[in-house]
Structure formats: C-alpha cells, structure tokens
mmCIF file of all heavy atoms, coordinates in Angstrom:
data_MODEL
# 
_entry.id   MODEL 
# 
loop_
_atom_site.group_PDB 
_atom_site.id 
_atom_site.type_symbol 
_atom_site.label_atom_id 
_atom_site.label_alt_id 
_atom_site.label_comp_id 
_atom_site.label_asym_id 
_atom_site.label_entity_id 
_atom_site.label_seq_id 
_atom_site.pdbx_PDB_ins_code 
_atom_site.Cartn_x 
_atom_site.Cartn_y 
_atom_site.Cartn_z 
_atom_site.occupancy 
_atom_site.B_iso_or_equiv 
_atom_site.pdbx_formal_charge 
_atom_site.auth_seq_id 
_atom_site.auth_comp_id 
_atom_site.auth_asym_id 
_atom_site.auth_atom_id 
_atom_site.pdbx_PDB_model_num 
ATOM 1   N N   . SER A 1 1  ? -6.800  0.465   6.875  1.00 0.00 ? 1  SER A N   1 
ATOM 2   C CA  . SER A 1 1  ? -5.962  0.978   5.654  1.00 0.00 ? 1  SER A CA  1 
ATOM 3   C C   . SER A 1 1  ? -4.607  0.428   5.754  1.00 0.00 ? 1  SER A C   1 
ATOM 4   O O   . SER A 1 1  ? -4.090  -0.096  6.737  1.00 0.00 ? 1  SER A O   1 
ATOM 5   C CB  . SER A 1 1  ? -5.856  2.551   5.785  1.00 0.00 ? 1  SER A CB  1 
ATOM 6   O OG  . SER A 1 1  ? -7.198  3.109   5.744  1.00 0.00 ? 1  SER A OG  1 
ATOM 7   N N   . LEU A 1 2  ? -3.918  0.626   4.667  1.00 0.00 ? 2  LEU A N   1 
ATOM 8   C CA  . LEU A 1 2  ? -2.533  -0.020  4.489  1.00 0.00 ? 2  LEU A CA  1 
ATOM 9   C C   . LEU A 1 2  ? -1.516  1.077   4.832  1.00 0.00 ? 2  LEU A C   1 
ATOM 10  O O   . LEU A 1 2  ? -1.642  2.234   4.489  1.00 0.00 ? 2  LEU A O   1 
ATOM 11  C CB  . LEU A 1 2  ? -2.392  -0.438  3.036  1.00 0.00 ? 2  LEU A CB  1 
ATOM 12  C CG  . LEU A 1 2  ? -1.037  -0.997  2.607  1.00 0.00 ? 2  LEU A CG  1 
ATOM 13  C CD1 . LEU A 1 2  ? -0.592  -2.175  3.426  1.00 0.00 ? 2  LEU A CD1 1 
ATOM 14  C CD2 . LEU A 1 2  ? -0.974  -1.213  1.132  1.00 0.00 ? 2  LEU A CD2 1 
ATOM 15  N N   . ARG A 1 3  ? -0.451  0.714   5.494  1.00 0.00 ? 3  ARG A N   1 
ATOM 16  C CA  . ARG A 1 3  ? 0.668   1.588   5.769  1.00 0.00 ? 3  ARG A CA  1 
ATOM 17  C C   . ARG A 1 3  ? 1.929   1.084   5.071  1.00 0.00 ? 3  ARG A C   1 
ATOM 18  O O   . ARG A 1 3  ? 2.331   -0.045  5.296  1.00 0.00 ? 3  ARG A O   1 
ATOM 19  C CB  . ARG A 1 3  ? 0.917   1.615   7.318  1.00 0.00 ? 3  ARG A CB  1 
ATOM 20  C CG  . ARG A 1 3  ? 2.075   2.557   7.696  1.00 0.00 ? 3  ARG A CG  1 
ATOM 21  C CD  . ARG A 1 3  ? 2.312   2.539   9.223  1.00 0.00 ? 3  ARG A CD  1 
ATOM 22  N NE  . ARG A 1 3  ? 2.747   1.289   9.741  1.00 0.00 ? 3  ARG A NE  1 
ATOM 23  C CZ  . ARG A 1 3  ? 2.003   0.507   10.406 1.00 0.00 ? 3  ARG A CZ  1 
ATOM 24  N NH1 . ARG A 1 3  ? 0.757   0.705   10.711 1.00 0.00 ? 3  ARG A NH1 1 
ATOM 25  N NH2 . ARG A 1 3  ? 2.473   -0.733  10.811 1.00 0.00 ? 3  ARG A NH2 1 
ATOM 26  N N   . LEU A 1 4  ? 2.357   1.770   4.112  1.00 0.00 ? 4  LEU A N   1 
ATOM 27  C CA  . LEU A 1 4  ? 3.502   1.345   3.314  1.00 0.00 ? 4  LEU A CA  1 
ATOM 28  C C   . LEU A 1 4  ? 4.834   1.888   3.853  1.00 0.00 ? 4  LEU A C   1 
ATOM 29  O O   . LEU A 1 4  ? 4.945   3.012   4.308  1.00 0.00 ? 4  LEU A O   1 
ATOM 30  C CB  . LEU A 1 4  ? 3.397   1.850   1.908  1.00 0.00 ? 4  LEU A CB  1 
ATOM 31  C CG  . LEU A 1 4  ? 2.483   1.084   1.008  1.00 0.00 ? 4  LEU A CG  1 
ATOM 32  C CD1 . LEU A 1 4  ? 2.566   1.719   -0.466 1.00 0.00 ? 4  LEU A CD1 1 
ATOM 33  C CD2 . LEU A 1 4  ? 2.835   -0.321  0.832  1.00 0.00 ? 4  LEU A CD2 1 
ATOM 34  N N   . GLU A 1 5  ? 5.801   1.055   3.940  1.00 0.00 ? 5  GLU A N   1 
ATOM 35  C CA  . GLU A 1 5  ? 7.161   1.455   4.305  1.00 0.00 ? 5  GLU A CA  1 
ATOM 36  C C   . GLU A 1 5  ? 7.934   1.648   2.972  1.00 0.00 ? 5  GLU A C   1 
ATOM 37  O O   . GLU A 1 5  ? 7.525   1.130   1.950  1.00 0.00 ? 5  GLU A O   1 
ATOM 38  C CB  . GLU A 1 5  ? 7.854   0.376   5.120  1.00 0.00 ? 5  GLU A CB  1 
ATOM 39  C CG  . GLU A 1 5  ? 7.223   0.078   6.449  1.00 0.00 ? 5  GLU A CG  1 
ATOM 40  C CD  . GLU A 1 5  ? 7.175   1.259   7.424  1.00 0.00 ? 5  GLU A CD  1 
ATOM 41  O OE1 . GLU A 1 5  ? 8.063   2.096   7.373  1.00 0.00 ? 5  GLU A OE1 1 
ATOM 42  O OE2 . GLU A 1 5  ? 6.190   1.375   8.158  1.00 0.00 ? 5  GLU A OE2 1 
ATOM 43  N N   . ILE A 1 6  ? 9.021   2.376   3.028  1.00 0.00 ? 6  ILE A N   1 
ATOM 44  C CA  . ILE A 1 6  ? 9.764   2.691   1.840  1.00 0.00 ? 6  ILE A CA  1 
ATOM 45  C C   . ILE A 1 6  ? 10.294  1.475   1.145  1.00 0.00 ? 6  ILE A C   1 
ATOM 46  O O   . ILE A 1 6  ? 10.483  1.489   -0.103 1.00 0.00 ? 6  ILE A O   1 
ATOM 47  C CB  . ILE A 1 6  ? 10.920  3.757   2.123  1.00 0.00 ? 6  ILE A CB  1 
ATOM 48  C CG1 . ILE A 1 6  ? 11.465  4.348   0.897  1.00 0.00 ? 6  ILE A CG1 1 
ATOM 49  C CG2 . ILE A 1 6  ? 12.005  3.038   2.938  1.00 0.00 ? 6  ILE A CG2 1 
ATOM 50  C CD1 . ILE A 1 6  ? 10.534  5.134   0.169  1.00 0.00 ? 6  ILE A CD1 1 
ATOM 51  N N   . THR A 1 7  ? 10.464  0.367   1.852  1.00 0.00 ? 7  THR A N   1 
ATOM 52  C CA  . THR A 1 7  ? 11.050  -0.864  1.242  1.00 0.00 ? 7  THR A CA  1 
ATOM 53  C C   . THR A 1 7  ? 9.994   -1.803  0.752  1.00 0.00 ? 7  THR A C   1 
ATOM 54  O O   . THR A 1 7  ? 10.297  -2.820  0.168  1.00 0.00 ? 7  THR A O   1 
ATOM 55  C CB  . THR A 1 7  ? 11.943  -1.574  2.285  1.00 0.00 ? 7  THR A CB  1 
ATOM 56  O OG1 . THR A 1 7  ? 11.113  -1.781  3.448  1.00 0.00 ? 7  THR A OG1 1 
ATOM 57  C CG2 . THR A 1 7  ? 13.164  -0.728  2.621  1.00 0.00 ? 7  THR A CG2 1 
ATOM 58  N N   . ASP A 1 8  ? 8.743   -1.494  0.964  1.00 0.00 ? 8  ASP A N   1 
ATOM 59  C CA  . ASP A 1 8  ? 7.633   -2.420  0.542  1.00 0.00 ? 8  ASP A CA  1 
ATOM 60  C C   . ASP A 1 8  ? 7.517   -2.339  -0.949 1.00 0.00 ? 8  ASP A C   1 
ATOM 61  O O   . ASP A 1 8  ? 7.572   -1.293  -1.596 1.00 0.00 ? 8  ASP A O   1 
ATOM 62  C CB  . ASP A 1 8  ? 6.277   -1.945  1.165  1.00 0.00 ? 8  ASP A CB  1 
ATOM 63  C CG  . ASP A 1 8  ? 6.230   -2.261  2.670  1.00 0.00 ? 8  ASP A CG  1 
ATOM 64  O OD1 . ASP A 1 8  ? 7.023   -3.142  3.121  1.00 0.00 ? 8  ASP A OD1 1 
ATOM 65  O OD2 . ASP A 1 8  ? 5.435   -1.633  3.307  1.00 0.00 ? 8  ASP A OD2 1 
ATOM 66  N N   . GLN A 1 9  ? 7.211   -3.485  -1.526 1.00 0.00 ? 9  GLN A N   1 
ATOM 67  C CA  . GLN A 1 9  ? 7.060   -3.617  -3.011 1.00 0.00 ? 9  GLN A CA  1 
ATOM 68  C C   . GLN A 1 9  ? 5.463   -3.618  -3.250 1.00 0.00 ? 9  GLN A C   1 
ATOM 69  O O   . GLN A 1 9  ? 4.780   -4.528  -2.868 1.00 0.00 ? 9  GLN A O   1 
ATOM 70  C CB  . GLN A 1 9  ? 7.618   -4.955  -3.460 1.00 0.00 ? 9  GLN A CB  1 
ATOM 71  C CG  . GLN A 1 9  ? 9.135   -5.030  -3.359 1.00 0.00 ? 9  GLN A CG  1 
ATOM 72  C CD  . GLN A 1 9  ? 9.629   -6.361  -3.777 1.00 0.00 ? 9  GLN A CD  1 
ATOM 73  O OE1 . GLN A 1 9  ? 8.979   -7.244  -4.136 1.00 0.00 ? 9  GLN A OE1 1 
ATOM 74  N NE2 . GLN A 1 9  ? 10.990  -6.474  -3.799 1.00 0.00 ? 9  GLN A NE2 1 
ATOM 75  N N   . ILE A 1 10 ? 5.123   -2.676  -3.965 1.00 0.00 ? 10 ILE A N   1 
ATOM 76  C CA  . ILE A 1 10 ? 3.698   -2.366  -4.237 1.00 0.00 ? 10 ILE A CA  1 
ATOM 77  C C   . ILE A 1 10 ? 3.083   -3.508  -5.076 1.00 0.00 ? 10 ILE A C   1 
ATOM 78  O O   . ILE A 1 10 ? 1.887   -3.872  -4.846 1.00 0.00 ? 10 ILE A O   1 
ATOM 79  C CB  . ILE A 1 10 ? 3.531   -0.985  -5.029 1.00 0.00 ? 10 ILE A CB  1 
ATOM 80  C CG1 . ILE A 1 10 ? 4.020   0.116   -4.086 1.00 0.00 ? 10 ILE A CG1 1 
ATOM 81  C CG2 . ILE A 1 10 ? 2.126   -0.820  -5.420 1.00 0.00 ? 10 ILE A CG2 1 
ATOM 82  C CD1 . ILE A 1 10 ? 4.144   1.451   -4.838 1.00 0.00 ? 10 ILE A CD1 1 
ATOM 83  N N   . LYS A 1 11 ? 3.905   -4.177  -5.855 1.00 0.00 ? 11 LYS A N   1 
ATOM 84  C CA  . LYS A 1 11 ? 3.334   -5.243  -6.677 1.00 0.00 ? 11 LYS A CA  1 
ATOM 85  C C   . LYS A 1 11 ? 2.768   -6.426  -5.875 1.00 0.00 ? 11 LYS A C   1 
ATOM 86  O O   . LYS A 1 11 ? 1.971   -7.132  -6.321 1.00 0.00 ? 11 LYS A O   1 
ATOM 87  C CB  . LYS A 1 11 ? 4.385   -5.775  -7.669 1.00 0.00 ? 11 LYS A CB  1 
ATOM 88  C CG  . LYS A 1 11 ? 5.574   -6.475  -7.062 1.00 0.00 ? 11 LYS A CG  1 
ATOM 89  C CD  . LYS A 1 11 ? 6.522   -6.929  -8.157 1.00 0.00 ? 11 LYS A CD  1 
ATOM 90  C CE  . LYS A 1 11 ? 7.765   -7.521  -7.532 1.00 0.00 ? 11 LYS A CE  1 
ATOM 91  N NZ  . LYS A 1 11 ? 8.740   -7.949  -8.529 1.00 0.00 ? 11 LYS A NZ  1 
ATOM 92  N N   . ARG A 1 12 ? 3.200   -6.479  -4.569 1.00 0.00 ? 12 ARG A N   1 
ATOM 93  C CA  . ARG A 1 12 ? 2.709   -7.576  -3.663 1.00 0.00 ? 12 ARG A CA  1 
ATOM 94  C C   . ARG A 1 12 ? 1.193   -7.380  -3.419 1.00 0.00 ? 12 ARG A C   1 
ATOM 95  O O   . ARG A 1 12 ? 0.517   -8.307  -3.011 1.00 0.00 ? 12 ARG A O   1 
ATOM 96  C CB  . ARG A 1 12 ? 3.478   -7.609  -2.386 1.00 0.00 ? 12 ARG A CB  1 
ATOM 97  C CG  . ARG A 1 12 ? 4.942   -8.013  -2.598 1.00 0.00 ? 12 ARG A CG  1 
ATOM 98  C CD  . ARG A 1 12 ? 5.692   -7.981  -1.312 1.00 0.00 ? 12 ARG A CD  1 
ATOM 99  N NE  . ARG A 1 12 ? 5.162   -8.912  -0.298 1.00 0.00 ? 12 ARG A NE  1 
ATOM 100 C CZ  . ARG A 1 12 ? 5.372   -8.858  0.924  1.00 0.00 ? 12 ARG A CZ  1 
ATOM 101 N NH1 . ARG A 1 12 ? 6.172   -7.881  1.452  1.00 0.00 ? 12 ARG A NH1 1 
ATOM 102 N NH2 . ARG A 1 12 ? 4.889   -9.745  1.784  1.00 0.00 ? 12 ARG A NH2 1 
ATOM 103 N N   . ILE A 1 13 ? 0.708   -6.113  -3.568 1.00 0.00 ? 13 ILE A N   1 
ATOM 104 C CA  . ILE A 1 13 ? -0.725  -5.885  -3.259 1.00 0.00 ? 13 ILE A CA  1 
ATOM 105 C C   . ILE A 1 13 ? -1.461  -5.336  -4.504 1.00 0.00 ? 13 ILE A C   1 
ATOM 106 O O   . ILE A 1 13 ? -2.539  -4.745  -4.360 1.00 0.00 ? 13 ILE A O   1 
ATOM 107 C CB  . ILE A 1 13 ? -0.872  -4.831  -2.110 1.00 0.00 ? 13 ILE A CB  1 
ATOM 108 C CG1 . ILE A 1 13 ? -0.022  -3.620  -2.375 1.00 0.00 ? 13 ILE A CG1 1 
ATOM 109 C CG2 . ILE A 1 13 ? -0.642  -5.440  -0.816 1.00 0.00 ? 13 ILE A CG2 1 
ATOM 110 C CD1 . ILE A 1 13 ? -0.608  -2.372  -2.031 1.00 0.00 ? 13 ILE A CD1 1 
ATOM 111 N N   . ALA A 1 14 ? -0.906  -5.591  -5.648 1.00 0.00 ? 14 ALA A N   1 
ATOM 112 C CA  . ALA A 1 14 ? -1.486  -5.052  -6.875 1.00 0.00 ? 14 ALA A CA  1 
ATOM 113 C C   . ALA A 1 14 ? -2.962  -5.431  -7.009 1.00 0.00 ? 14 ALA A C   1 
ATOM 114 O O   . ALA A 1 14 ? -3.752  -4.696  -7.471 1.00 0.00 ? 14 ALA A O   1 
ATOM 115 C CB  . ALA A 1 14 ? -0.671  -5.501  -8.037 1.00 0.00 ? 14 ALA A CB  1 
ATOM 116 N N   . ASP A 1 15 ? -3.272  -6.667  -6.700 1.00 0.00 ? 15 ASP A N   1 
ATOM 117 C CA  . ASP A 1 15 ? -4.657  -7.141  -6.866 1.00 0.00 ? 15 ASP A CA  1 
ATOM 118 C C   . ASP A 1 15 ? -5.608  -6.545  -5.829 1.00 0.00 ? 15 ASP A C   1 
ATOM 119 O O   . ASP A 1 15 ? -6.829  -6.476  -6.033 1.00 0.00 ? 15 ASP A O   1 
ATOM 120 C CB  . ASP A 1 15 ? -4.713  -8.642  -6.746 1.00 0.00 ? 15 ASP A CB  1 
ATOM 121 C CG  . ASP A 1 15 ? -4.002  -9.397  -7.885 1.00 0.00 ? 15 ASP A CG  1 
ATOM 122 O OD1 . ASP A 1 15 ? -3.853  -8.719  -8.961 1.00 0.00 ? 15 ASP A OD1 1 
ATOM 123 O OD2 . ASP A 1 15 ? -3.565  -10.534 -7.747 1.00 0.00 ? 15 ASP A OD2 1 
ATOM 124 N N   . ASP A 1 16 ? -5.115  -6.039  -4.684 1.00 0.00 ? 16 ASP A N   1 
ATOM 125 C CA  . ASP A 1 16 ? -5.944  -5.407  -3.704 1.00 0.00 ? 16 ASP A CA  1 
ATOM 126 C C   . ASP A 1 16 ? -6.054  -3.976  -3.758 1.00 0.00 ? 16 ASP A C   1 
ATOM 127 O O   . ASP A 1 16 ? -6.904  -3.365  -3.039 1.00 0.00 ? 16 ASP A O   1 
ATOM 128 C CB  . ASP A 1 16 ? -5.318  -5.755  -2.279 1.00 0.00 ? 16 ASP A CB  1 
ATOM 129 C CG  . ASP A 1 16 ? -5.401  -7.216  -1.882 1.00 0.00 ? 16 ASP A CG  1 
ATOM 130 O OD1 . ASP A 1 16 ? -6.156  -7.912  -2.592 1.00 0.00 ? 16 ASP A OD1 1 
ATOM 131 O OD2 . ASP A 1 16 ? -4.746  -7.630  -0.924 1.00 0.00 ? 16 ASP A OD2 1 
ATOM 132 N N   . LEU A 1 17 ? -5.341  -3.274  -4.597 1.00 0.00 ? 17 LEU A N   1 
ATOM 133 C CA  . LEU A 1 17 ? -5.315  -1.809  -4.599 1.00 0.00 ? 17 LEU A CA  1 
ATOM 134 C C   . LEU A 1 17 ? -6.667  -1.216  -4.793 1.00 0.00 ? 17 LEU A C   1 
ATOM 135 O O   . LEU A 1 17 ? -6.940  -0.150  -4.182 1.00 0.00 ? 17 LEU A O   1 
ATOM 136 C CB  . LEU A 1 17 ? -4.368  -1.306  -5.699 1.00 0.00 ? 17 LEU A CB  1 
ATOM 137 C CG  . LEU A 1 17 ? -2.896  -1.306  -5.311 1.00 0.00 ? 17 LEU A CG  1 
ATOM 138 C CD1 . LEU A 1 17 ? -1.994  -0.885  -6.560 1.00 0.00 ? 17 LEU A CD1 1 
ATOM 139 C CD2 . LEU A 1 17 ? -2.610  -0.467  -4.131 1.00 0.00 ? 17 LEU A CD2 1 
ATOM 140 N N   . HIS A 1 18 ? -7.506  -1.791  -5.594 1.00 0.00 ? 18 HIS A N   1 
ATOM 141 C CA  . HIS A 1 18 ? -8.864  -1.242  -5.895 1.00 0.00 ? 18 HIS A CA  1 
ATOM 142 C C   . HIS A 1 18 ? -9.706  -1.251  -4.566 1.00 0.00 ? 18 HIS A C   1 
ATOM 143 O O   . HIS A 1 18 ? -10.691 -0.480  -4.461 1.00 0.00 ? 18 HIS A O   1 
ATOM 144 C CB  . HIS A 1 18 ? -9.560  -1.936  -7.047 1.00 0.00 ? 18 HIS A CB  1 
ATOM 145 C CG  . HIS A 1 18 ? -9.855  -3.378  -6.691 1.00 0.00 ? 18 HIS A CG  1 
ATOM 146 N ND1 . HIS A 1 18 ? -8.915  -4.389  -6.729 1.00 0.00 ? 18 HIS A ND1 1 
ATOM 147 C CD2 . HIS A 1 18 ? -11.088 -3.923  -6.300 1.00 0.00 ? 18 HIS A CD2 1 
ATOM 148 C CE1 . HIS A 1 18 ? -9.464  -5.564  -6.408 1.00 0.00 ? 18 HIS A CE1 1 
ATOM 149 N NE2 . HIS A 1 18 ? -10.740 -5.246  -6.093 1.00 0.00 ? 18 HIS A NE2 1 
ATOM 150 N N   . SER A 1 19 ? -9.415  -2.112  -3.636 1.00 0.00 ? 19 SER A N   1 
ATOM 151 C CA  . SER A 1 19 ? -10.282 -2.238  -2.495 1.00 0.00 ? 19 SER A CA  1 
ATOM 152 C C   . SER A 1 19 ? -9.693  -1.565  -1.243 1.00 0.00 ? 19 SER A C   1 
ATOM 153 O O   . SER A 1 19 ? -10.288 -1.585  -0.213 1.00 0.00 ? 19 SER A O   1 
ATOM 154 C CB  . SER A 1 19 ? -10.466 -3.665  -2.127 1.00 0.00 ? 19 SER A CB  1 
ATOM 155 O OG  . SER A 1 19 ? -9.245  -4.334  -1.760 1.00 0.00 ? 19 SER A OG  1 
ATOM 156 N N   . ILE A 1 20 ? -8.521  -0.863  -1.379 1.00 0.00 ? 20 ILE A N   1 
ATOM 157 C CA  . ILE A 1 20 ? -7.913  -0.188  -0.240 1.00 0.00 ? 20 ILE A CA  1 
ATOM 158 C C   . ILE A 1 20 ? -8.264  1.303   -0.311 1.00 0.00 ? 20 ILE A C   1 
ATOM 159 O O   . ILE A 1 20 ? -7.960  1.997   -1.216 1.00 0.00 ? 20 ILE A O   1 
ATOM 160 C CB  . ILE A 1 20 ? -6.382  -0.316  -0.334 1.00 0.00 ? 20 ILE A CB  1 
ATOM 161 C CG1 . ILE A 1 20 ? -5.966  -1.783  -0.299 1.00 0.00 ? 20 ILE A CG1 1 
ATOM 162 C CG2 . ILE A 1 20 ? -5.718  0.392   0.875  1.00 0.00 ? 20 ILE A CG2 1 
ATOM 163 C CD1 . ILE A 1 20 ? -4.493  -2.020  -0.505 1.00 0.00 ? 20 ILE A CD1 1 
ATOM 164 N N   . PRO A 1 21 ? -9.024  1.744   0.682  1.00 0.00 ? 21 PRO A N   1 
ATOM 165 C CA  . PRO A 1 21 ? -9.527  3.118   0.675  1.00 0.00 ? 21 PRO A CA  1 
ATOM 166 C C   . PRO A 1 21 ? -8.476  4.196   0.920  1.00 0.00 ? 21 PRO A C   1 
ATOM 167 O O   . PRO A 1 21 ? -8.555  5.294   0.438  1.00 0.00 ? 21 PRO A O   1 
ATOM 168 C CB  . PRO A 1 21 ? -10.608 3.220   1.769  1.00 0.00 ? 21 PRO A CB  1 
ATOM 169 C CG  . PRO A 1 21 ? -10.228 2.128   2.679  1.00 0.00 ? 21 PRO A CG  1 
ATOM 170 C CD  . PRO A 1 21 ? -9.585  1.007   1.879  1.00 0.00 ? 21 PRO A CD  1 
ATOM 171 N N   . LEU A 1 22 ? -7.428  3.819   1.673  1.00 0.00 ? 22 LEU A N   1 
ATOM 172 C CA  . LEU A 1 22 ? -6.424  4.757   2.079  1.00 0.00 ? 22 LEU A CA  1 
ATOM 173 C C   . LEU A 1 22 ? -5.043  4.024   2.248  1.00 0.00 ? 22 LEU A C   1 
ATOM 174 O O   . LEU A 1 22 ? -5.054  2.976   2.821  1.00 0.00 ? 22 LEU A O   1 
ATOM 175 C CB  . LEU A 1 22 ? -6.788  5.489   3.383  1.00 0.00 ? 22 LEU A CB  1 
ATOM 176 C CG  . LEU A 1 22 ? -5.852  6.488   3.900  1.00 0.00 ? 22 LEU A CG  1 
ATOM 177 C CD1 . LEU A 1 22 ? -6.669  7.646   4.560  1.00 0.00 ? 22 LEU A CD1 1 
ATOM 178 C CD2 . LEU A 1 22 ? -4.866  5.967   4.917  1.00 0.00 ? 22 LEU A CD2 1 
ATOM 179 N N   . ILE A 1 23 ? -4.021  4.625   1.742  1.00 0.00 ? 23 ILE A N   1 
ATOM 180 C CA  . ILE A 1 23 ? -2.668  4.076   1.951  1.00 0.00 ? 23 ILE A CA  1 
ATOM 181 C C   . ILE A 1 23 ? -1.889  5.194   2.625  1.00 0.00 ? 23 ILE A C   1 
ATOM 182 O O   . ILE A 1 23 ? -1.799  6.374   2.178  1.00 0.00 ? 23 ILE A O   1 
ATOM 183 C CB  . ILE A 1 23 ? -2.035  3.820   0.582  1.00 0.00 ? 23 ILE A CB  1 
ATOM 184 C CG1 . ILE A 1 23 ? -2.738  2.591   -0.015 1.00 0.00 ? 23 ILE A CG1 1 
ATOM 185 C CG2 . ILE A 1 23 ? -0.536  3.345   0.850  1.00 0.00 ? 23 ILE A CG2 1 
ATOM 186 C CD1 . ILE A 1 23 ? -2.206  2.135   -1.370 1.00 0.00 ? 23 ILE A CD1 1 
ATOM 187 N N   . ALA A 1 24 ? -1.354  4.874   3.818  1.00 0.00 ? 24 ALA A N   1 
ATOM 188 C CA  . ALA A 1 24 ? -0.592  5.818   4.632  1.00 0.00 ? 24 ALA A CA  1 
ATOM 189 C C   . ALA A 1 24 ? 0.914   5.557   4.289  1.00 0.00 ? 24 ALA A C   1 
ATOM 190 O O   . ALA A 1 24 ? 1.343   4.463   4.215  1.00 0.00 ? 24 ALA A O   1 
ATOM 191 C CB  . ALA A 1 24 ? -0.851  5.605   6.097  1.00 0.00 ? 24 ALA A CB  1 
ATOM 192 N N   . VAL A 1 25 ? 1.653   6.679   4.072  1.00 0.00 ? 25 VAL A N   1 
ATOM 193 C CA  . VAL A 1 25 ? 3.061   6.638   3.742  1.00 0.00 ? 25 VAL A CA  1 
ATOM 194 C C   . VAL A 1 25 ? 3.822   7.477   4.717  1.00 0.00 ? 25 VAL A C   1 
ATOM 195 O O   . VAL A 1 25 ? 3.516   8.665   4.957  1.00 0.00 ? 25 VAL A O   1 
ATOM 196 C CB  . VAL A 1 25 ? 3.248   7.092   2.322  1.00 0.00 ? 25 VAL A CB  1 
ATOM 197 C CG1 . VAL A 1 25 ? 4.719   6.960   1.872  1.00 0.00 ? 25 VAL A CG1 1 
ATOM 198 C CG2 . VAL A 1 25 ? 2.383   6.341   1.331  1.00 0.00 ? 25 VAL A CG2 1 
ATOM 199 N N   . ASP A 1 26 ? 4.913   6.967   5.249  1.00 0.00 ? 26 ASP A N   1 
ATOM 200 C CA  . ASP A 1 26 ? 5.769   7.693   6.217  1.00 0.00 ? 26 ASP A CA  1 
ATOM 201 C C   . ASP A 1 26 ? 6.693   8.631   5.481  1.00 0.00 ? 26 ASP A C   1 
ATOM 202 O O   . ASP A 1 26 ? 7.527   8.137   4.746  1.00 0.00 ? 26 ASP A O   1 
ATOM 203 C CB  . ASP A 1 26 ? 6.466   6.702   7.097  1.00 0.00 ? 26 ASP A CB  1 
ATOM 204 C CG  . ASP A 1 26 ? 7.228   7.354   8.253  1.00 0.00 ? 26 ASP A CG  1 
ATOM 205 O OD1 . ASP A 1 26 ? 7.264   8.584   8.387  1.00 0.00 ? 26 ASP A OD1 1 
ATOM 206 O OD2 . ASP A 1 26 ? 7.786   6.596   9.100  1.00 0.00 ? 26 ASP A OD2 1 
ATOM 207 N N   . PHE A 1 27 ? 6.569   9.952   5.744  1.00 0.00 ? 27 PHE A N   1 
ATOM 208 C CA  . PHE A 1 27 ? 7.482   10.909  5.070  1.00 0.00 ? 27 PHE A CA  1 
ATOM 209 C C   . PHE A 1 27 ? 8.587   11.400  5.996  1.00 0.00 ? 27 PHE A C   1 
ATOM 210 O O   . PHE A 1 27 ? 9.151   12.439  5.711  1.00 0.00 ? 27 PHE A O   1 
ATOM 211 C CB  . PHE A 1 27 ? 6.610   12.087  4.569  1.00 0.00 ? 27 PHE A CB  1 
ATOM 212 C CG  . PHE A 1 27 ? 6.232   12.020  3.097  1.00 0.00 ? 27 PHE A CG  1 
ATOM 213 C CD1 . PHE A 1 27 ? 5.170   11.130  2.758  1.00 0.00 ? 27 PHE A CD1 1 
ATOM 214 C CD2 . PHE A 1 27 ? 6.832   12.718  2.116  1.00 0.00 ? 27 PHE A CD2 1 
ATOM 215 C CE1 . PHE A 1 27 ? 4.758   11.016  1.539  1.00 0.00 ? 27 PHE A CE1 1 
ATOM 216 C CE2 . PHE A 1 27 ? 6.455   12.594  0.808  1.00 0.00 ? 27 PHE A CE2 1 
ATOM 217 C CZ  . PHE A 1 27 ? 5.400   11.768  0.478  1.00 0.00 ? 27 PHE A CZ  1 
# 
C-alpha cells in the first residue's frame, strides 16, 4: 500500500490510484 506524507502531490500517482488498495495517511 501507499503511505502519503502531507507534502506529497497526489497528481504524481493519479494514473495508479485505481490499483492501490489502501492509502495510509499520517495524522
């Protein structure tokens, strides 16, 4: 799964989003 940081730009993975089962976000 993908782990996003607050500074990550989501558009960099826009084409992969449909294939990522889980995105972990640090709160």
